[in-house]
Structures are given as C-alpha cells and as structure tokens.
Amino acid sequence: MPEQESKIEGDFFVEKFVQEYCKKIVIYPQVLEVKSKMLEEGTKELCIYTNPVDMGRVIGKDGKMVSAIKAFISGVKAKNGLNYKIVVLASENPYVL
C-alpha cells in the first residue's frame, strides 16, 4: 500500500505543480484550470484549460514552454511510474474574470 500512496501523492504534486507554474506565466490566472483523468493503465492526461489569449504563453515559442513542463514531469514519471500526456485547451468559459 505505501507504493500506491506514493503514486497518489506524486500525482497530486504533478497536477498542483502544473497549475501553479502556469498561473505564473499567463495573463488571466483566474481562468486557468488543470484537470486530470486516467486514459489507460499507467497513462494520465493533464488538460490545461486557459483563456484563449494565454494559450500561446503556455505552449511557448516552438512549443518550448510545454516541452519544459514535460521535461520536469518526466522526472516524476521515473518515481511514480505513470506516463503523462499534456493537452492545452481554450477554457470552456474564458470570460470568468
């Protein structure tokens, strides 16, 4: 059971990290939302919902910002064994200010 608890803690850490990191780089942090769901055994999808204006900031020039986030998460992957897929989407309600 301790291994399962470690996976849950690591997973929460990844979601929280992505949310806090992205809040620092976007213009409208109050709109930002990170949701996660299991796709299949061992693979989790992190959906970053942001204001359409901020999508470019999260993705970065030539995808460098999202690549940096993926690089950080790959270190967590080694510890908890989960693969992560990151998706950046326009917020369902971008005008919540």
Protein backbone atom coordinates (compact mmCIF):
# COMPACT_ATOMS: atom_id res chain seq x y z
CA MET A 1 0.00 0.00 0.00
CA PRO A 2 2.78 2.57 0.63
CA GLU A 3 3.68 2.36 -3.08
CA GLN A 4 0.07 3.21 -4.03
CA GLU A 5 0.06 6.16 -1.61
CA SER A 6 3.31 7.38 -3.18
CA LYS A 7 1.70 7.31 -6.63
CA ILE A 8 -1.27 9.32 -5.39
CA GLU A 9 0.94 11.90 -3.67
CA GLY A 10 3.19 12.20 -6.73
CA ASP A 11 0.19 12.54 -9.00
CA PHE A 12 -1.29 15.33 -6.87
CA PHE A 13 2.09 17.04 -6.87
CA VAL A 14 2.28 16.98 -10.67
CA GLU A 15 -1.19 18.47 -11.11
CA LYS A 16 -0.54 21.15 -8.48
CA PHE A 17 2.87 22.00 -9.97
CA VAL A 18 1.48 22.42 -13.48
CA GLN A 19 -1.32 24.65 -12.19
CA GLU A 20 0.94 26.89 -10.09
CA TYR A 21 3.62 27.10 -12.79
CA CYS A 22 1.12 28.04 -15.50
CA LYS A 23 -0.53 30.64 -13.24
CA LYS A 24 2.79 32.49 -13.14
CA ILE A 25 3.08 32.78 -16.92
CA VAL A 26 -0.49 33.56 -18.02
CA ILE A 27 -2.25 36.93 -18.13
CA TYR A 28 -5.54 35.61 -16.70
CA PRO A 29 -4.60 33.16 -13.90
CA GLN A 30 -8.14 33.17 -12.51
CA VAL A 31 -9.34 31.37 -15.66
CA LEU A 32 -6.61 28.71 -15.59
CA GLU A 33 -7.71 25.23 -14.61
CA VAL A 34 -5.88 21.89 -14.67
CA LYS A 35 -7.86 18.66 -14.78
CA SER A 36 -6.53 15.14 -14.90
CA LYS A 37 -8.01 11.84 -15.95
CA MET A 38 -6.73 8.32 -16.43
CA LEU A 39 -6.62 7.29 -20.08
CA GLU A 40 -5.47 3.74 -19.57
CA GLU A 41 -3.40 1.77 -17.10
CA GLY A 42 -0.27 3.79 -16.39
CA THR A 43 -1.18 6.85 -18.50
CA LYS A 44 -2.72 10.03 -17.19
CA GLU A 45 -3.85 13.04 -19.20
CA LEU A 46 -3.42 16.56 -17.82
CA CYS A 47 -5.70 19.08 -19.53
CA ILE A 48 -4.70 22.71 -19.08
CA TYR A 49 -7.70 24.96 -19.69
CA THR A 50 -6.74 28.59 -20.17
CA ASN A 51 -8.04 31.79 -21.69
CA PRO A 52 -7.55 31.68 -25.50
CA VAL A 53 -5.25 34.71 -25.18
CA ASP A 54 -2.94 32.74 -22.87
CA MET A 55 -2.66 29.55 -24.94
CA GLY A 56 0.42 30.84 -26.73
CA ARG A 57 2.10 31.65 -23.41
CA VAL A 58 1.53 28.13 -22.08
CA ILE A 59 2.66 26.44 -25.30
CA GLY A 60 5.57 28.84 -25.85
CA LYS A 61 7.56 29.64 -28.96
CA ASP A 62 8.05 26.43 -30.96
CA GLY A 63 6.47 24.53 -28.05
CA LYS A 64 9.41 25.20 -25.74
CA MET A 65 7.33 26.09 -22.68
CA VAL A 66 5.17 22.98 -22.79
CA SER A 67 8.31 20.93 -23.53
CA ALA A 68 9.90 22.29 -20.36
CA ILE A 69 6.82 21.25 -18.36
CA LYS A 70 7.00 17.77 -19.92
CA ALA A 71 10.71 17.52 -19.07
CA PHE A 72 10.01 18.27 -15.42
CA ILE A 73 7.16 15.78 -15.30
CA SER A 74 9.35 13.05 -16.81
CA GLY A 75 11.40 13.14 -13.61
CA VAL A 76 8.26 12.39 -11.59
CA LYS A 77 7.37 9.64 -14.05
CA ALA A 78 10.53 7.80 -13.06
CA LYS A 79 9.40 7.81 -9.44
CA ASN A 80 5.68 7.01 -9.65
CA GLY A 81 5.64 5.02 -12.90
CA LEU A 82 2.85 6.98 -14.60
CA ASN A 83 3.11 8.41 -18.10
CA TYR A 84 1.65 11.87 -18.57
CA LYS A 85 0.06 13.40 -21.64
CA ILE A 86 -0.35 17.19 -21.59
CA VAL A 87 -3.12 18.90 -23.56
CA VAL A 88 -3.60 22.68 -23.71
CA LEU A 89 -7.17 23.77 -24.47
CA ALA A 90 -9.11 27.01 -24.54
CA SER A 91 -11.18 27.43 -21.40
CA GLU A 92 -14.80 26.37 -21.52
CA ASN A 93 -15.66 29.80 -20.08
CA PRO A 94 -12.81 32.20 -20.95
CA TYR A 95 -14.62 35.28 -19.66
CA VAL A 96 -14.65 34.35 -15.98
CA LEU A 97 -12.72 37.26 -14.54
